Amino acid sequence: MERPGQSDPTGRATPLVSVVIATHNRPAALRQALYSVLRQTLQDFEILVIGDACAPDTAAAIAGFADARIAYVDLPVNFGEQSGPNNIGLARARGRFVALLNHDDLWFPDHLAATTGWMDATSADIVIARGAIIEPRSDQGDLPRNLIFGVGRNGFYDPVITAGYGSAQVVRRSSLPWLGPWRPAVQCFCESSQDWLFRAWRKGAVIATMPHLTVLSLFSGTRRGSYVEDTAAEQQDLVEAMRAPDVLRVRILAEAILPSPLKKSTYLKRRFLAACGVHPRAREFRRKYGPGAFVDKLRVIRGLPPLPEREPGVQEMLARYQRAVDLGAQEKG
């Protein structure tokens, strides 16, 4: 087993943690996510930024940090959602632990130190940190109510009540071969991140929940046009507030709500279905959407075109490359 300080076959020292960030054309938000990683109290990490066919300004934003720990891989074709880029990051990770971070989310400075310590303390394959979904302020100026996620049962993942979004997940790299990759969104009824956790639980993974708030999620799917205008004012304010982390935690928790408790009969029914292989969250989504339809809805809200065709014909590929040629000619002109 690799240990921090050892070298891999390329001669590079192996980091304790590999941080994987999937991104697509939001360099301002990505910059703040990177700040939240680079300011961690635990500094033994590498950062793998996986671009989903990004414009050149993403590479420029990363280069501006001039930090050798950040590696950037840009896909030549847009996958359209984070499962593909995340799987590439998981495959390329070298650390003992792998932590995921969405490009519009943020970590408190002690996230990596706390989650890796919690993983060793619980002997878990996966740790889910406590997080808060930061809702956008309404046009009427009403105070947002931040939804708390990552809540378990007796300290461990419960498929009925636990939501563990990607930015809260840290996995032991030695467990990845048998846990398997994320499934593409077109194959999932719910979010790919929740589908992966449920399948890991079904395989017998030990998934611990950490009762310490270290993740802030600013869902682009609740911010209309978030991919049209590249702004990150919310993230920037929160990164600055993290200079006094516990003060910010008090503020976030004072405006927080927990998911509504379930009736015992409802819980037992859903737990039975989970044991039979029916994901309660997927069952809920199935009533509203077909496979992949939830991502289609989010792309409309974000201001993105429909998911790209997985198997384009020759004419579609020709049109794609011609657009790239025309764009390159315009930039040179």
Protein backbone atom coordinates (compact mmCIF):
# COMPACT_ATOMS: atom_id res chain seq x y z
CA MET A 1 0.00 0.00 0.00
CA GLU A 2 1.28 3.47 -0.89
CA ARG A 3 2.07 5.81 1.97
CA PRO A 4 2.58 9.57 1.94
CA GLY A 5 6.18 10.45 1.12
CA GLN A 6 6.73 7.36 -1.03
CA SER A 7 7.24 7.74 -4.77
CA ASP A 8 5.01 6.43 -7.53
CA PRO A 9 6.51 4.93 -10.74
CA THR A 10 7.03 8.46 -12.15
CA GLY A 11 9.21 9.43 -9.19
CA ARG A 12 6.68 11.85 -7.72
CA ALA A 13 6.01 11.77 -3.98
CA THR A 14 2.62 10.23 -3.17
CA PRO A 15 0.25 12.71 -1.48
CA LEU A 16 -1.98 11.80 1.44
CA VAL A 17 -5.09 13.13 -0.33
CA SER A 18 -6.06 13.50 -3.98
CA VAL A 19 -8.67 16.23 -4.52
CA VAL A 20 -10.81 15.78 -7.65
CA ILE A 21 -12.67 18.79 -9.07
CA ALA A 22 -14.86 18.40 -12.16
CA THR A 23 -15.44 21.73 -13.93
CA HIS A 24 -17.06 23.27 -16.99
CA ASN A 25 -16.73 26.93 -17.94
CA ARG A 26 -17.11 28.58 -14.55
CA PRO A 27 -13.57 29.80 -13.85
CA ALA A 28 -14.68 32.41 -11.27
CA ALA A 29 -16.42 29.76 -9.17
CA LEU A 30 -13.58 27.29 -9.72
CA ARG A 31 -11.09 29.88 -8.45
CA GLN A 32 -12.93 30.16 -5.12
CA ALA A 33 -13.19 26.36 -4.80
CA LEU A 34 -9.43 26.14 -5.29
CA TYR A 35 -8.86 28.83 -2.66
CA SER A 36 -10.84 26.71 -0.19
CA VAL A 37 -8.58 23.72 -0.94
CA LEU A 38 -5.29 25.60 -0.87
CA ARG A 39 -6.16 27.10 2.53
CA GLN A 40 -6.68 23.68 4.17
CA THR A 41 -4.90 23.03 7.45
CA LEU A 42 -3.79 19.68 5.97
CA GLN A 43 -1.47 20.53 3.08
CA ASP A 44 -0.38 17.07 1.90
CA PHE A 45 -2.53 16.87 -1.23
CA GLU A 46 -2.66 16.96 -5.00
CA ILE A 47 -5.50 18.63 -6.92
CA LEU A 48 -6.81 17.07 -10.13
CA VAL A 49 -9.02 19.52 -12.03
CA ILE A 50 -10.87 17.68 -14.79
CA GLY A 51 -12.31 20.04 -17.39
CA ASP A 52 -15.38 18.96 -19.33
CA ALA A 53 -14.28 20.51 -22.66
CA CYS A 54 -13.67 23.95 -21.16
CA ALA A 55 -12.91 27.30 -22.79
CA PRO A 56 -9.32 28.58 -22.48
CA ASP A 57 -10.13 30.88 -19.54
CA THR A 58 -10.40 27.82 -17.26
CA ALA A 59 -6.77 26.87 -17.94
CA ALA A 60 -5.76 30.51 -17.40
CA ALA A 61 -7.52 30.62 -14.02
CA ILE A 62 -5.68 27.49 -12.88
CA ALA A 63 -2.33 28.72 -14.18
CA GLY A 64 -2.79 31.89 -12.14
CA PHE A 65 -2.27 29.91 -8.94
CA ALA A 66 1.18 28.76 -10.06
CA ASP A 67 0.94 25.79 -7.70
CA ALA A 68 2.66 22.57 -8.82
CA ARG A 69 0.16 20.51 -6.82
CA ILE A 70 -2.62 21.43 -9.27
CA ALA A 71 -2.88 19.29 -12.43
CA TYR A 72 -5.37 20.11 -15.18
CA VAL A 73 -6.83 17.61 -17.65
CA ASP A 74 -9.36 18.92 -20.18
CA LEU A 75 -11.63 16.50 -22.03
CA PRO A 76 -11.69 17.03 -25.82
CA VAL A 77 -15.46 16.45 -25.94
CA ASN A 78 -18.09 17.62 -23.47
CA PHE A 79 -19.41 14.75 -21.35
CA GLY A 80 -22.20 16.99 -20.08
CA GLU A 81 -22.26 16.13 -16.37
CA GLN A 82 -19.84 15.34 -13.57
CA SER A 83 -19.81 11.52 -13.55
CA GLY A 84 -17.38 11.30 -16.48
CA PRO A 85 -14.84 13.88 -15.21
CA ASN A 86 -15.08 12.48 -11.67
CA ASN A 87 -14.33 8.97 -12.89
CA ILE A 88 -11.22 10.24 -14.68
CA GLY A 89 -10.10 11.97 -11.49
CA LEU A 90 -10.73 8.83 -9.40
CA ALA A 91 -8.71 6.75 -11.87
CA ARG A 92 -5.76 9.18 -11.87
CA ALA A 93 -5.70 9.82 -8.12
CA ARG A 94 -2.51 8.78 -6.30
CA GLY A 95 -3.36 9.66 -2.69
CA ARG A 96 -4.29 7.35 0.13
CA PHE A 97 -7.63 9.16 0.25
CA VAL A 98 -9.65 10.79 -2.55
CA ALA A 99 -11.87 13.80 -1.83
CA LEU A 100 -14.40 15.18 -4.32
CA LEU A 101 -15.28 18.86 -4.62
CA ASN A 102 -17.82 20.39 -6.99
CA HIS A 103 -16.45 23.51 -8.64
CA ASP A 104 -19.13 25.77 -7.13
CA ASP A 105 -18.86 24.37 -3.58
CA LEU A 106 -16.49 25.21 -0.73
CA TRP A 107 -14.69 23.49 2.13
CA PHE A 108 -13.98 24.85 5.58
CA PRO A 109 -10.20 24.93 6.26
CA ASP A 110 -10.27 21.76 8.39
CA HIS A 111 -12.26 19.59 5.96
CA LEU A 112 -9.41 17.34 4.83
CA ALA A 113 -7.84 17.01 8.27
CA ALA A 114 -11.21 16.18 9.85
CA THR A 115 -12.47 13.71 7.22
CA THR A 116 -9.23 11.75 6.87
CA GLY A 117 -8.93 11.52 10.65
CA TRP A 118 -12.54 10.39 10.91
CA MET A 119 -11.95 7.74 8.26
CA ASP A 120 -9.03 6.27 10.19
CA ALA A 121 -10.98 6.44 13.47
CA THR A 122 -13.97 4.56 12.02
CA SER A 123 -12.07 2.26 9.60
CA ALA A 124 -14.53 3.42 6.95
CA ASP A 125 -14.29 3.04 3.19
CA ILE A 126 -16.13 6.34 2.71
CA VAL A 127 -16.75 9.31 4.97
CA ILE A 128 -19.57 11.77 4.41
CA ALA A 129 -18.97 15.15 6.05
CA ARG A 130 -21.81 17.26 7.40
CA GLY A 131 -22.74 19.96 4.91
CA ALA A 132 -25.10 22.85 4.39
CA ILE A 133 -26.92 23.73 1.19
CA ILE A 134 -26.71 27.52 0.93
CA GLU A 135 -29.92 28.72 -0.68
CA PRO A 136 -29.82 31.92 -2.77
CA ARG A 137 -31.45 34.97 -1.29
CA SER A 138 -34.90 35.68 -2.67
CA ASP A 139 -35.78 38.81 -4.62
CA GLN A 140 -37.92 39.84 -1.64
CA GLY A 141 -34.85 39.83 0.61
CA ASP A 142 -36.08 36.96 2.79
CA LEU A 143 -33.39 35.20 4.79
CA PRO A 144 -32.51 31.81 3.26
CA ARG A 145 -32.93 28.59 5.22
CA ASN A 146 -29.86 26.42 4.83
CA LEU A 147 -30.63 22.71 4.53
CA ILE A 148 -28.29 20.44 6.48
CA PHE A 149 -27.20 17.19 4.79
CA GLY A 150 -24.88 14.30 5.56
CA VAL A 151 -26.94 13.16 8.56
CA GLY A 152 -26.59 9.45 9.31
CA ARG A 153 -27.99 6.96 11.79
CA ASN A 154 -25.78 6.03 14.74
CA GLY A 155 -22.83 7.54 12.90
CA PHE A 156 -23.21 5.68 9.62
CA TYR A 157 -24.94 6.02 6.25
CA ASP A 158 -28.60 5.18 6.15
CA PRO A 159 -30.04 4.80 2.61
CA VAL A 160 -33.37 6.21 3.73
CA ILE A 161 -32.25 9.42 5.43
CA THR A 162 -28.65 10.15 4.34
CA ALA A 163 -27.91 12.53 1.49
CA GLY A 164 -24.17 12.72 0.86
CA TYR A 165 -23.51 15.05 -2.05
CA GLY A 166 -20.22 14.79 -3.93
CA SER A 167 -18.37 17.60 -2.17
CA ALA A 168 -18.90 15.87 1.19
CA GLN A 169 -17.51 12.49 0.05
CA VAL A 170 -14.02 11.25 0.89
CA VAL A 171 -13.13 7.68 -0.12
CA ARG A 172 -10.25 5.38 0.71
CA ARG A 173 -8.45 4.85 -2.61
CA SER A 174 -7.72 1.18 -1.89
CA SER A 175 -11.52 0.61 -1.82
CA LEU A 176 -12.14 2.13 -5.27
CA PRO A 177 -11.49 -1.01 -7.38
CA TRP A 178 -14.38 -2.90 -5.80
CA LEU A 179 -16.63 0.12 -5.23
CA GLY A 180 -16.53 0.89 -8.95
CA PRO A 181 -17.08 4.15 -10.86
CA TRP A 182 -19.96 6.60 -10.90
CA ARG A 183 -22.68 5.69 -13.36
CA PRO A 184 -23.51 8.27 -16.06
CA ALA A 185 -26.54 10.42 -15.24
CA VAL A 186 -28.45 9.00 -18.21
CA GLN A 187 -28.47 5.64 -16.37
CA CYS A 188 -29.61 7.08 -13.02
CA PHE A 189 -33.00 8.17 -11.75
CA CYS A 190 -31.45 10.35 -9.02
CA GLU A 191 -28.13 12.18 -8.77
CA SER A 192 -25.07 10.16 -9.79
CA SER A 193 -23.46 10.92 -6.41
CA GLN A 194 -26.39 9.40 -4.49
CA ASP A 195 -26.62 6.44 -6.86
CA TRP A 196 -22.92 5.68 -6.24
CA LEU A 197 -23.30 5.85 -2.45
CA PHE A 198 -26.30 3.53 -2.49
CA ARG A 199 -24.52 0.98 -4.67
CA ALA A 200 -21.46 1.20 -2.37
CA TRP A 201 -23.71 0.52 0.63
CA ARG A 202 -25.26 -2.46 -1.17
CA LYS A 203 -21.77 -3.85 -1.77
CA GLY A 204 -21.05 -3.74 1.95
CA ALA A 205 -18.94 -0.57 2.13
CA VAL A 206 -18.53 1.01 5.56
CA ILE A 207 -19.80 4.56 5.10
CA ALA A 208 -19.36 6.77 8.16
CA THR A 209 -21.04 10.15 8.64
CA MET A 210 -19.01 12.86 10.35
CA PRO A 211 -20.92 15.22 12.70
CA HIS A 212 -18.78 18.25 11.89
CA LEU A 213 -19.84 20.97 9.42
CA THR A 214 -17.08 21.30 6.80
CA VAL A 215 -18.90 21.65 3.45
CA LEU A 216 -20.94 24.45 1.89
CA SER A 217 -22.88 23.61 -1.27
CA LEU A 218 -24.13 26.36 -3.57
CA PHE A 219 -26.20 24.35 -6.03
CA SER A 220 -26.12 25.78 -9.54
CA GLY A 221 -29.48 24.10 -10.13
CA THR A 222 -31.15 26.61 -7.79
CA ARG A 223 -29.45 29.62 -9.42
CA ARG A 224 -30.99 30.35 -12.80
CA GLY A 225 -28.45 31.17 -15.49
CA SER A 226 -25.51 30.19 -13.28
CA TYR A 227 -23.50 29.04 -16.32
CA VAL A 228 -24.44 32.04 -18.43
CA GLU A 229 -22.83 34.70 -16.23
CA ASP A 230 -19.58 33.60 -14.63
CA THR A 231 -19.93 35.23 -11.24
CA ALA A 232 -18.94 33.89 -7.84
CA ALA A 233 -19.80 36.70 -5.43
CA GLU A 234 -21.49 34.31 -3.00
CA GLN A 235 -18.50 31.98 -2.94
CA GLN A 236 -16.06 34.85 -2.58
CA ASP A 237 -17.91 36.23 0.46
CA LEU A 238 -18.01 32.79 2.09
CA VAL A 239 -14.31 32.10 1.44
CA GLU A 240 -13.47 35.39 3.13
CA ALA A 241 -15.78 34.56 6.06
CA MET A 242 -13.96 31.24 6.53
CA ARG A 243 -11.05 33.18 8.03
CA ALA A 244 -13.16 32.88 11.20
CA PRO A 245 -14.58 29.39 10.55
CA ASP A 246 -16.54 28.84 13.76
CA VAL A 247 -18.17 32.27 13.49
CA LEU A 248 -19.36 31.27 10.01
CA ARG A 249 -20.55 27.88 11.27
CA VAL A 250 -22.64 29.59 13.95
CA ARG A 251 -24.18 31.84 11.30
CA ILE A 252 -24.92 28.95 8.93
CA LEU A 253 -26.42 26.72 11.62
CA ALA A 254 -28.53 29.55 13.04
CA GLU A 255 -30.28 29.69 9.65
CA ALA A 256 -30.42 25.90 9.19
CA ILE A 257 -33.18 23.35 8.92
CA LEU A 258 -33.04 19.56 9.02
CA PRO A 259 -35.03 17.29 6.69
CA SER A 260 -38.48 16.52 8.05
CA PRO A 261 -38.53 13.33 10.16
CA LEU A 262 -40.31 10.32 8.70
CA LYS A 263 -43.07 8.34 10.33
CA LYS A 264 -41.75 5.04 11.66
CA SER A 265 -43.94 3.04 9.27
CA THR A 266 -42.70 5.07 6.29
CA TYR A 267 -39.09 4.66 7.37
CA LEU A 268 -39.42 0.88 7.81
CA LYS A 269 -41.08 0.52 4.41
CA ARG A 270 -38.32 2.48 2.67
CA ARG A 271 -35.63 0.62 4.57
CA PHE A 272 -37.13 -2.70 3.44
CA LEU A 273 -37.17 -1.51 -0.17
CA ALA A 274 -33.53 -0.39 0.17
CA ALA A 275 -32.58 -3.86 1.40
CA CYS A 276 -34.27 -5.23 -1.73
CA GLY A 277 -32.15 -2.94 -3.93
CA VAL A 278 -34.63 -0.11 -4.49
CA HIS A 279 -32.98 3.24 -3.71
CA PRO A 280 -35.55 5.38 -1.82
CA ARG A 281 -34.25 8.55 -3.46
CA ALA A 282 -34.38 7.00 -6.92
CA ARG A 283 -37.92 5.79 -6.21
CA GLU A 284 -38.93 9.35 -5.32
CA PHE A 285 -37.27 10.76 -8.46
CA ARG A 286 -38.79 8.04 -10.64
CA ARG A 287 -42.24 9.50 -10.00
CA LYS A 288 -41.12 12.79 -11.56
CA TYR A 289 -38.40 11.95 -14.08
CA GLY A 290 -37.10 9.28 -16.42
CA PRO A 291 -33.44 8.18 -16.37
CA GLY A 292 -31.26 11.27 -16.87
CA ALA A 293 -34.26 13.63 -16.97
CA PHE A 294 -33.29 15.34 -13.71
CA VAL A 295 -29.97 16.44 -15.24
CA ASP A 296 -31.83 17.68 -18.34
CA LYS A 297 -33.97 19.89 -16.10
CA LEU A 298 -30.92 21.24 -14.28
CA ARG A 299 -29.21 22.12 -17.55
CA VAL A 300 -32.18 24.27 -18.55
CA ILE A 301 -32.04 26.15 -15.23
CA ARG A 302 -28.27 26.63 -15.53
CA GLY A 303 -28.56 28.01 -19.06
CA LEU A 304 -26.80 25.07 -20.72
CA PRO A 305 -27.80 23.29 -23.95
CA PRO A 306 -29.22 19.74 -23.80
CA LEU A 307 -26.89 16.87 -22.92
CA PRO A 308 -24.57 16.12 -25.83
CA GLU A 309 -25.31 13.10 -27.99
CA ARG A 310 -23.36 10.10 -26.69
CA GLU A 311 -22.99 8.55 -30.17
CA PRO A 312 -23.01 11.41 -32.70
CA GLY A 313 -23.02 10.62 -36.41
CA VAL A 314 -20.40 11.79 -38.89
CA GLN A 315 -22.31 14.96 -39.79
CA GLU A 316 -22.76 15.92 -36.15
CA MET A 317 -19.04 15.43 -35.52
CA LEU A 318 -18.17 17.40 -38.64
CA ALA A 319 -20.35 20.30 -37.45
CA ARG A 320 -18.69 20.20 -34.02
CA TYR A 321 -15.18 20.37 -35.46
CA GLN A 322 -16.18 23.07 -37.95
CA ARG A 323 -17.46 25.25 -35.10
CA ALA A 324 -14.09 24.83 -33.38
CA VAL A 325 -12.26 25.80 -36.59
CA ASP A 326 -14.46 28.87 -37.07
CA LEU A 327 -13.98 29.93 -33.45
CA GLY A 328 -10.20 29.56 -33.76
CA ALA A 329 -10.21 31.67 -36.93
CA GLN A 330 -12.23 34.40 -35.17
CA GLU A 331 -9.80 34.50 -32.24
CA LYS A 332 -6.80 34.82 -34.58
CA GLY A 333 -8.56 37.53 -36.60
